[in-house]
PDB file of N, CA and C in Angstrom:
ATOM      1  N   UNK A   1      -9.438  -1.397   6.969  1.00  0.00           N
ATOM      2  CA  UNK A   1      -8.576  -0.495   6.478  1.00  0.00           C
ATOM      3  C   UNK A   1      -7.421  -0.140   7.294  1.00  0.00           C
ATOM      4  N   UNK A   2      -7.666   0.179   8.411  1.00  0.00           N
ATOM      5  CA  UNK A   2      -6.642   0.571   9.544  1.00  0.00           C
ATOM      6  C   UNK A   2      -5.783  -0.576   9.648  1.00  0.00           C
ATOM      7  N   UNK A   3      -6.145  -1.760   9.740  1.00  0.00           N
ATOM      8  CA  UNK A   3      -5.257  -2.958  10.043  1.00  0.00           C
ATOM      9  C   UNK A   3      -4.409  -3.101   8.932  1.00  0.00           C
ATOM     10  N   UNK A   4      -4.967  -3.080   7.664  1.00  0.00           N
ATOM     11  CA  UNK A   4      -4.140  -3.408   6.467  1.00  0.00           C
ATOM     12  C   UNK A   4      -3.146  -2.156   6.274  1.00  0.00           C
ATOM     13  N   UNK A   5      -3.473  -0.986   6.756  1.00  0.00           N
ATOM     14  CA  UNK A   5      -2.480   0.169   6.702  1.00  0.00           C
ATOM     15  C   UNK A   5      -1.232  -0.194   7.604  1.00  0.00           C
ATOM     16  N   UNK A   6      -1.831  -0.514   8.809  1.00  0.00           N
ATOM     17  CA  UNK A   6      -0.751  -0.913   9.864  1.00  0.00           C
ATOM     18  C   UNK A   6       0.111  -1.861   9.412  1.00  0.00           C
ATOM     19  N   UNK A   7      -0.353  -2.884   8.845  1.00  0.00           N
ATOM     20  CA  UNK A   7       0.630  -4.099   8.486  1.00  0.00           C
ATOM     21  C   UNK A   7       1.493  -3.656   7.145  1.00  0.00           C
ATOM     22  N   UNK A   8       0.873  -2.852   6.425  1.00  0.00           N
ATOM     23  CA  UNK A   8       1.639  -2.255   5.225  1.00  0.00           C
ATOM     24  C   UNK A   8       2.755  -1.439   5.750  1.00  0.00           C
ATOM     25  N   UNK A   9       2.492  -0.688   6.695  1.00  0.00           N
ATOM     26  CA  UNK A   9       3.496   0.362   7.119  1.00  0.00           C
ATOM     27  C   UNK A   9       4.651  -0.404   7.724  1.00  0.00           C
ATOM     28  N   UNK A  10       4.309  -1.460   8.646  1.00  0.00           N
ATOM     29  CA  UNK A  10       5.322  -2.228   9.242  1.00  0.00           C
ATOM     30  C   UNK A  10       6.176  -3.022   8.185  1.00  0.00           C
ATOM     31  N   UNK A  11       5.431  -3.520   7.143  1.00  0.00           N
ATOM     32  CA  UNK A  11       6.033  -4.389   6.170  1.00  0.00           C
ATOM     33  C   UNK A  11       7.178  -3.500   5.484  1.00  0.00           C
ATOM     34  N   UNK A  12       6.733  -2.261   5.068  1.00  0.00           N
ATOM     35  CA  UNK A  12       7.767  -1.361   4.400  1.00  0.00           C
ATOM     36  C   UNK A  12       9.008  -1.120   5.276  1.00  0.00           C
ATOM     37  N   UNK A  13       8.819  -0.892   6.667  1.00  0.00           N
ATOM     38  CA  UNK A  13       9.892  -0.628   7.605  1.00  0.00           C
ATOM     39  C   UNK A  13      10.575  -1.889   7.711  1.00  0.00           C
ATOM     40  N   UNK A  14      10.080  -3.064   7.743  1.00  0.00           N
ATOM     41  CA  UNK A  14      10.922  -4.248   7.836  1.00  0.00           C
ATOM     42  C   UNK A  14      11.543  -4.536   6.427  1.00  0.00           C
ATOM     43  N   UNK A  15      11.122  -4.539   5.395  1.00  0.00           N
ATOM     44  CA  UNK A  15      11.670  -4.501   4.167  1.00  0.00           C
ATOM     45  C   UNK A  15      12.841  -3.668   4.093  1.00  0.00           C
ATOM     46  N   UNK A  16      12.712  -2.383   4.405  1.00  0.00           N
ATOM     47  CA  UNK A  16      13.888  -1.538   4.287  1.00  0.00           C
ATOM     48  C   UNK A  16      15.002  -1.939   5.153  1.00  0.00           C
ATOM     49  N   UNK A  17      14.768  -2.417   6.385  1.00  0.00           N
ATOM     50  CA  UNK A  17      15.615  -2.764   7.382  1.00  0.00           C
ATOM     51  C   UNK A  17      16.279  -4.042   6.762  1.00  0.00           C
ATOM     52  N   UNK A  18      15.535  -4.983   6.126  1.00  0.00           N
ATOM     53  CA  UNK A  18      16.129  -6.177   5.644  1.00  0.00           C
ATOM     54  C   UNK A  18      16.939  -5.869   4.474  1.00  0.00           C
ATOM     55  N   UNK A  19      16.568  -4.824   3.603  1.00  0.00           N
ATOM     56  CA  UNK A  19      17.396  -4.328   2.613  1.00  0.00           C
ATOM     57  C   UNK A  19      18.700  -4.031   2.906  1.00  0.00           C
ATOM     58  N   UNK A  20      18.652  -3.161   4.028  1.00  0.00           N
ATOM     59  CA  UNK A  20      20.104  -2.727   4.339  1.00  0.00           C
ATOM     60  C   UNK A  20      20.909  -3.841   5.042  1.00  0.00           C
ATOM     61  N   UNK A  21      20.224  -4.738   5.830  1.00  0.00           N
ATOM     62  CA  UNK A  21      21.109  -5.764   6.602  1.00  0.00           C
ATOM     63  C   UNK A  21      21.299  -6.963   5.652  1.00  0.00           C
ATOM     64  N   UNK A  22      20.576  -7.228   4.500  1.00  0.00           N
ATOM     65  CA  UNK A  22      20.728  -8.410   3.757  1.00  0.00           C
ATOM     66  C   UNK A  22      19.773  -9.509   4.428  1.00  0.00           C
ATOM     67  N   UNK A  23      19.519 -10.382   3.528  1.00  0.00           N
ATOM     68  CA  UNK A  23      18.528 -11.474   3.996  1.00  0.00           C
ATOM     69  C   UNK A  23      17.247 -11.445   3.474  1.00  0.00           C
ATOM     70  N   UNK A  24      16.410 -12.173   4.030  1.00  0.00           N
ATOM     71  CA  UNK A  24      14.950 -12.290   3.512  1.00  0.00           C
ATOM     72  C   UNK A  24      14.257 -10.944   3.388  1.00  0.00           C
ATOM     73  N   UNK A  25      13.452 -10.920   2.347  1.00  0.00           N
ATOM     74  CA  UNK A  25      12.835  -9.609   1.977  1.00  0.00           C
ATOM     75  C   UNK A  25      11.398  -9.810   1.920  1.00  0.00           C
ATOM     76  N   UNK A  26      10.634  -8.782   1.928  1.00  0.00           N
ATOM     77  CA  UNK A  26       9.200  -8.837   1.736  1.00  0.00           C
ATOM     78  C   UNK A  26       9.140  -8.555   0.097  1.00  0.00           C
ATOM     79  N   UNK A  27       8.421  -9.514  -0.451  1.00  0.00           N
ATOM     80  CA  UNK A  27       8.347  -9.412  -2.049  1.00  0.00           C
ATOM     81  C   UNK A  27       7.500  -8.183  -2.428  1.00  0.00           C
ATOM     82  N   UNK A  28       7.765  -7.548  -3.594  1.00  0.00           N
ATOM     83  CA  UNK A  28       7.171  -6.490  -4.067  1.00  0.00           C
ATOM     84  C   UNK A  28       5.673  -6.836  -4.294  1.00  0.00           C
ATOM     85  N   UNK A  29       5.334  -8.012  -4.790  1.00  0.00           N
ATOM     86  CA  UNK A  29       4.128  -8.560  -4.925  1.00  0.00           C
ATOM     87  C   UNK A  29       3.297  -8.479  -3.682  1.00  0.00           C
ATOM     88  N   UNK A  30       3.867  -8.832  -2.619  1.00  0.00           N
ATOM     89  CA  UNK A  30       3.255  -8.752  -1.261  1.00  0.00           C
ATOM     90  C   UNK A  30       2.943  -7.229  -0.805  1.00  0.00           C
ATOM     91  N   UNK A  31       3.957  -6.419  -1.008  1.00  0.00           N
ATOM     92  CA  UNK A  31       3.757  -5.051  -0.688  1.00  0.00           C
ATOM     93  C   UNK A  31       2.634  -4.415  -1.508  1.00  0.00           C
ATOM     94  N   UNK A  32       2.458  -4.817  -2.896  1.00  0.00           N
ATOM     95  CA  UNK A  32       1.450  -4.426  -3.689  1.00  0.00           C
ATOM     96  C   UNK A  32       0.057  -5.106  -3.255  1.00  0.00           C
ATOM     97  N   UNK A  33      -0.030  -6.329  -2.891  1.00  0.00           N
ATOM     98  CA  UNK A  33      -1.179  -6.788  -2.357  1.00  0.00           C
ATOM     99  C   UNK A  33      -1.742  -6.179  -1.060  1.00  0.00           C
ATOM    100  N   UNK A  34      -0.867  -5.720  -0.282  1.00  0.00           N
ATOM    101  CA  UNK A  34      -1.417  -4.962   0.917  1.00  0.00           C
ATOM    102  C   UNK A  34      -2.058  -3.691   0.527  1.00  0.00           C
ATOM    103  N   UNK A  35      -1.373  -3.111  -0.381  1.00  0.00           N
ATOM    104  CA  UNK A  35      -1.990  -1.713  -0.840  1.00  0.00           C
ATOM    105  C   UNK A  35      -3.346  -2.030  -1.494  1.00  0.00           C
ATOM    106  N   UNK A  36      -3.354  -3.160  -2.340  1.00  0.00           N
ATOM    107  CA  UNK A  36      -4.729  -3.213  -2.960  1.00  0.00           C
ATOM    108  C   UNK A  36      -5.692  -3.757  -2.087  1.00  0.00           C
ATOM    109  N   UNK A  37      -5.183  -4.379  -0.932  1.00  0.00           N
ATOM    110  CA  UNK A  37      -6.288  -5.023   0.219  1.00  0.00           C
ATOM    111  C   UNK A  37      -6.719  -3.703   1.023  1.00  0.00           C
ATOM    112  N   UNK A  38      -6.435  -2.577   0.768  1.00  0.00           N
ATOM    113  CA  UNK A  38      -6.999  -1.327   1.490  1.00  0.00           C
ATOM    114  C   UNK A  38      -5.795  -0.781   2.339  1.00  0.00           C
ATOM    115  N   UNK A  39      -4.609  -1.381   2.219  1.00  0.00           N
ATOM    116  CA  UNK A  39      -3.645  -0.809   3.080  1.00  0.00           C
ATOM    117  C   UNK A  39      -2.717   0.402   2.444  1.00  0.00           C
ATOM    118  N   UNK A  40      -3.174   0.935   1.302  1.00  0.00           N
ATOM    119  CA  UNK A  40      -2.420   1.852   0.674  1.00  0.00           C
ATOM    120  C   UNK A  40      -2.055   3.124   1.349  1.00  0.00           C
ATOM    121  N   UNK A  41      -2.988   3.651   2.294  1.00  0.00           N
ATOM    122  CA  UNK A  41      -2.378   4.740   3.091  1.00  0.00           C
ATOM    123  C   UNK A  41      -1.155   4.384   3.994  1.00  0.00           C
ATOM    124  N   UNK A  42      -1.192   3.335   4.699  1.00  0.00           N
ATOM    125  CA  UNK A  42      -0.042   2.948   5.439  1.00  0.00           C
ATOM    126  C   UNK A  42       1.114   2.695   4.467  1.00  0.00           C
ATOM    127  N   UNK A  43       0.890   2.074   3.446  1.00  0.00           N
ATOM    128  CA  UNK A  43       1.960   1.889   2.362  1.00  0.00           C
ATOM    129  C   UNK A  43       2.597   3.209   2.007  1.00  0.00           C
ATOM    130  N   UNK A  44       1.697   4.109   1.654  1.00  0.00           N
ATOM    131  CA  UNK A  44       2.209   5.415   1.306  1.00  0.00           C
ATOM    132  C   UNK A  44       3.031   6.058   2.326  1.00  0.00           C
ATOM    133  N   UNK A  45       2.499   6.054   3.566  1.00  0.00           N
ATOM    134  CA  UNK A  45       3.257   6.554   4.649  1.00  0.00           C
ATOM    135  C   UNK A  45       4.617   5.787   4.890  1.00  0.00           C
ATOM    136  N   UNK A  46       4.620   4.343   4.727  1.00  0.00           N
ATOM    137  CA  UNK A  46       5.770   3.692   4.879  1.00  0.00           C
ATOM    138  C   UNK A  46       6.879   4.122   3.776  1.00  0.00           C
ATOM    139  N   UNK A  47       6.472   4.326   2.678  1.00  0.00           N
ATOM    140  CA  UNK A  47       7.252   4.591   1.475  1.00  0.00           C
ATOM    141  C   UNK A  47       7.970   6.061   1.730  1.00  0.00           C
ATOM    142  N   UNK A  48       7.191   6.996   2.362  1.00  0.00           N
ATOM    143  CA  UNK A  48       7.784   8.246   2.874  1.00  0.00           C
ATOM    144  C   UNK A  48       8.550   8.271   3.991  1.00  0.00           C
ATOM    145  N   UNK A  49       8.085   7.512   5.001  1.00  0.00           N
ATOM    146  CA  UNK A  49       8.958   7.460   6.262  1.00  0.00           C
ATOM    147  C   UNK A  49      10.265   6.739   6.153  1.00  0.00           C
ATOM    148  N   UNK A  50      10.311   5.644   5.352  1.00  0.00           N
ATOM    149  CA  UNK A  50      11.474   4.835   5.290  1.00  0.00           C
ATOM    150  C   UNK A  50      12.151   5.086   3.818  1.00  0.00           C
ATOM    151  N   UNK A  51      11.645   5.915   3.125  1.00  0.00           N
ATOM    152  CA  UNK A  51      12.256   6.270   1.732  1.00  0.00           C
ATOM    153  C   UNK A  51      12.449   4.974   1.052  1.00  0.00           C
ATOM    154  N   UNK A  52      11.452   4.279   0.952  1.00  0.00           N
ATOM    155  CA  UNK A  52      11.617   2.817   0.413  1.00  0.00           C
ATOM    156  C   UNK A  52      10.714   2.714  -0.807  1.00  0.00           C
ATOM    157  N   UNK A  53      11.100   2.034  -1.921  1.00  0.00           N
ATOM    158  CA  UNK A  53      10.496   1.924  -3.134  1.00  0.00           C
ATOM    159  C   UNK A  53      10.095   3.239  -3.739  1.00  0.00           C
ATOM    160  N   UNK A  54      10.597   4.393  -3.531  1.00  0.00           N
ATOM    161  CA  UNK A  54      10.198   5.525  -4.121  1.00  0.00           C
ATOM    162  C   UNK A  54      10.854   5.929  -5.447  1.00  0.00           C
ATOM    163  N   UNK A  55      11.974   5.189  -5.713  1.00  0.00           N
ATOM    164  CA  UNK A  55      12.758   5.331  -6.839  1.00  0.00           C
ATOM    165  C   UNK A  55      12.382   4.391  -7.960  1.00  0.00           C
ATOM    166  N   UNK A  56      11.342   3.539  -7.870  1.00  0.00           N
ATOM    167  CA  UNK A  56      11.232   2.462  -8.861  1.00  0.00           C
ATOM    168  C   UNK A  56       9.894   2.837  -9.502  1.00  0.00           C
ATOM    169  N   UNK A  57       9.981   3.417 -10.779  1.00  0.00           N
ATOM    170  CA  UNK A  57       8.729   3.821 -11.491  1.00  0.00           C
ATOM    171  C   UNK A  57       7.614   2.828 -11.701  1.00  0.00           C
ATOM    172  N   UNK A  58       8.156   1.501 -12.077  1.00  0.00           N
ATOM    173  CA  UNK A  58       7.217   0.506 -12.324  1.00  0.00           C
ATOM    174  C   UNK A  58       6.456   0.104 -10.985  1.00  0.00           C
ATOM    175  N   UNK A  59       7.190   0.028  -9.838  1.00  0.00           N
ATOM    176  CA  UNK A  59       6.370  -0.173  -8.573  1.00  0.00           C
ATOM    177  C   UNK A  59       5.592   0.907  -8.258  1.00  0.00           C
ATOM    178  N   UNK A  60       5.842   2.143  -8.416  1.00  0.00           N
ATOM    179  CA  UNK A  60       5.131   3.291  -8.177  1.00  0.00           C
ATOM    180  C   UNK A  60       3.764   3.271  -8.957  1.00  0.00           C
ATOM    181  N   UNK A  61       3.896   2.968 -10.164  1.00  0.00           N
ATOM    182  CA  UNK A  61       2.758   2.995 -11.078  1.00  0.00           C
ATOM    183  C   UNK A  61       1.650   1.905 -10.665  1.00  0.00           C
ATOM    184  N   UNK A  62       2.197   0.889 -10.234  1.00  0.00           N
ATOM    185  CA  UNK A  62       1.158  -0.278  -9.844  1.00  0.00           C
ATOM    186  C   UNK A  62       0.740   0.196  -8.485  1.00  0.00           C
ATOM    187  N   UNK A  63       1.473   0.753  -7.615  1.00  0.00           N
ATOM    188  CA  UNK A  63       0.920   1.222  -6.285  1.00  0.00           C
ATOM    189  C   UNK A  63      -0.205   2.292  -6.529  1.00  0.00           C
ATOM    190  N   UNK A  64       0.085   3.292  -7.318  1.00  0.00           N
ATOM    191  CA  UNK A  64      -0.761   4.298  -7.738  1.00  0.00           C
ATOM    192  C   UNK A  64      -2.101   3.788  -8.342  1.00  0.00           C
ATOM    193  N   UNK A  65      -2.069   2.679  -9.073  1.00  0.00           N
ATOM    194  CA  UNK A  65      -3.330   1.996  -9.563  1.00  0.00           C
ATOM    195  C   UNK A  65      -4.044   1.337  -8.474  1.00  0.00           C
ATOM    196  N   UNK A  66      -3.305   0.619  -7.587  1.00  0.00           N
ATOM    197  CA  UNK A  66      -4.028   0.067  -6.653  1.00  0.00           C
ATOM    198  C   UNK A  66      -4.771   0.992  -5.543  1.00  0.00           C
ATOM    199  N   UNK A  67      -4.085   2.263  -5.247  1.00  0.00           N
ATOM    200  CA  UNK A  67      -4.795   3.219  -4.426  1.00  0.00           C
ATOM    201  C   UNK A  67      -5.893   3.809  -5.268  1.00  0.00           C
ATOM    202  N   UNK A  68      -5.789   4.177  -6.547  1.00  0.00           N
ATOM    203  CA  UNK A  68      -6.949   4.650  -7.210  1.00  0.00           C
ATOM    204  C   UNK A  68      -8.054   3.562  -7.332  1.00  0.00           C
ATOM    205  N   UNK A  69      -7.824   2.157  -7.510  1.00  0.00           N
ATOM    206  CA  UNK A  69      -8.835   1.248  -7.414  1.00  0.00           C
ATOM    207  C   UNK A  69      -9.510   1.321  -6.120  1.00  0.00           C
ATOM    208  N   UNK A  70      -8.829   1.366  -4.947  1.00  0.00           N
ATOM    209  CA  UNK A  70      -9.352   1.422  -3.774  1.00  0.00           C
ATOM    210  C   UNK A  70     -10.436   2.549  -3.621  1.00  0.00           C
ATOM    211  N   UNK A  71      -9.929   3.870  -4.128  1.00  0.00           N
ATOM    212  CA  UNK A  71     -10.570   5.140  -3.960  1.00  0.00           C
ATOM    213  C   UNK A  71     -11.998   4.946  -4.817  1.00  0.00           C
ATOM    214  N   UNK A  72     -11.788   4.231  -6.057  1.00  0.00           N
ATOM    215  CA  UNK A  72     -12.910   4.232  -6.904  1.00  0.00           C
ATOM    216  C   UNK A  72     -13.921   3.210  -6.294  1.00  0.00           C
ATOM    217  N   UNK A  73     -13.416   2.284  -5.626  1.00  0.00           N
ATOM    218  CA  UNK A  73     -14.433   1.194  -4.874  1.00  0.00           C
ATOM    219  C   UNK A  73     -15.117   1.977  -3.728  1.00  0.00           C
ATOM    220  N   UNK A  74     -14.479   2.702  -3.007  1.00  0.00           N
ATOM    221  CA  UNK A  74     -14.961   3.299  -1.830  1.00  0.00           C
ATOM    222  C   UNK A  74     -16.040   4.340  -2.427  1.00  0.00           C
ATOM    223  N   UNK A  75     -15.699   5.119  -3.390  1.00  0.00           N
ATOM    224  CA  UNK A  75     -16.651   5.949  -3.947  1.00  0.00           C
ATOM    225  C   UNK A  75     -17.854   5.328  -4.478  1.00  0.00           C
ATOM    226  N   UNK A  76     -17.729   4.239  -5.194  1.00  0.00           N
ATOM    227  CA  UNK A  76     -18.800   3.333  -5.629  1.00  0.00           C
ATOM    228  C   UNK A  76     -19.815   2.919  -4.393  1.00  0.00           C
ATOM    229  N   UNK A  77     -19.033   2.433  -3.341  1.00  0.00           N
ATOM    230  CA  UNK A  77     -19.947   2.013  -2.164  1.00  0.00           C
ATOM    231  C   UNK A  77     -20.726   3.206  -1.568  1.00  0.00           C
ATOM    232  N   UNK A  78     -19.924   4.268  -1.578  1.00  0.00           N
ATOM    233  CA  UNK A  78     -20.615   5.437  -0.965  1.00  0.00           C
ATOM    234  C   UNK A  78     -21.894   5.891  -1.816  1.00  0.00           C
ATOM    235  N   UNK A  79     -21.568   5.923  -3.022  1.00  0.00           N
ATOM    236  CA  UNK A  79     -22.804   6.274  -4.054  1.00  0.00           C
ATOM    237  C   UNK A  79     -23.925   5.254  -3.962  1.00  0.00           C
ATOM    238  N   UNK A  80     -23.562   4.005  -3.765  1.00  0.00           N
ATOM    239  CA  UNK A  80     -24.728   3.018  -3.551  1.00  0.00           C
ATOM    240  C   UNK A  80     -25.424   3.282  -2.268  1.00  0.00           C
ATOM    241  N   UNK A  81     -24.737   3.498  -1.194  1.00  0.00           N
ATOM    242  CA  UNK A  81     -25.171   3.770   0.198  1.00  0.00           C
ATOM    243  C   UNK A  81     -26.108   4.942   0.081  1.00  0.00           C
ATOM    244  N   UNK A  82     -25.636   6.055  -0.628  1.00  0.00           N
ATOM    245  CA  UNK A  82     -26.441   7.115  -0.747  1.00  0.00           C
ATOM    246  C   UNK A  82     -27.738   6.920  -1.426  1.00  0.00           C
ATOM    247  N   UNK A  83     -27.603   6.202  -2.628  1.00  0.00           N
ATOM    248  CA  UNK A  83     -28.823   5.856  -3.329  1.00  0.00           C
ATOM    249  C   UNK A  83     -29.798   4.974  -2.599  1.00  0.00           C
ATOM    250  N   UNK A  84     -29.413   4.366  -1.564  1.00  0.00           N
ATOM    251  CA  UNK A  84     -30.289   3.317  -0.846  1.00  0.00           C
ATOM    252  C   UNK A  84     -31.002   4.128   0.185  1.00  0.00           C
ATOM    253  N   UNK A  85     -30.664   5.431   0.633  1.00  0.00           N
ATOM    254  CA  UNK A  85     -31.338   6.044   1.595  1.00  0.00           C
ATOM    255  C   UNK A  85     -32.654   6.524   1.195  1.00  0.00           C
TER     256      UNK A  85
END
């Protein structure tokens, strides 16, 4: 999760830099996949730090769903671990 968050944060910064400079960008699909892969904390921090993708409601909805799905999976795993004790 830490590695995915770090990669997501860096990708948000890179994409913001490329958005300003013009040129190759990180796709929204890739940014969402990083969040879904457990990098949502870094993605959230990247959105805040770089003020990037915060004004796109459709993107934000998908991001929030990815974060909620991650939290539900973590909760489920914790519940199973607790039950196995």
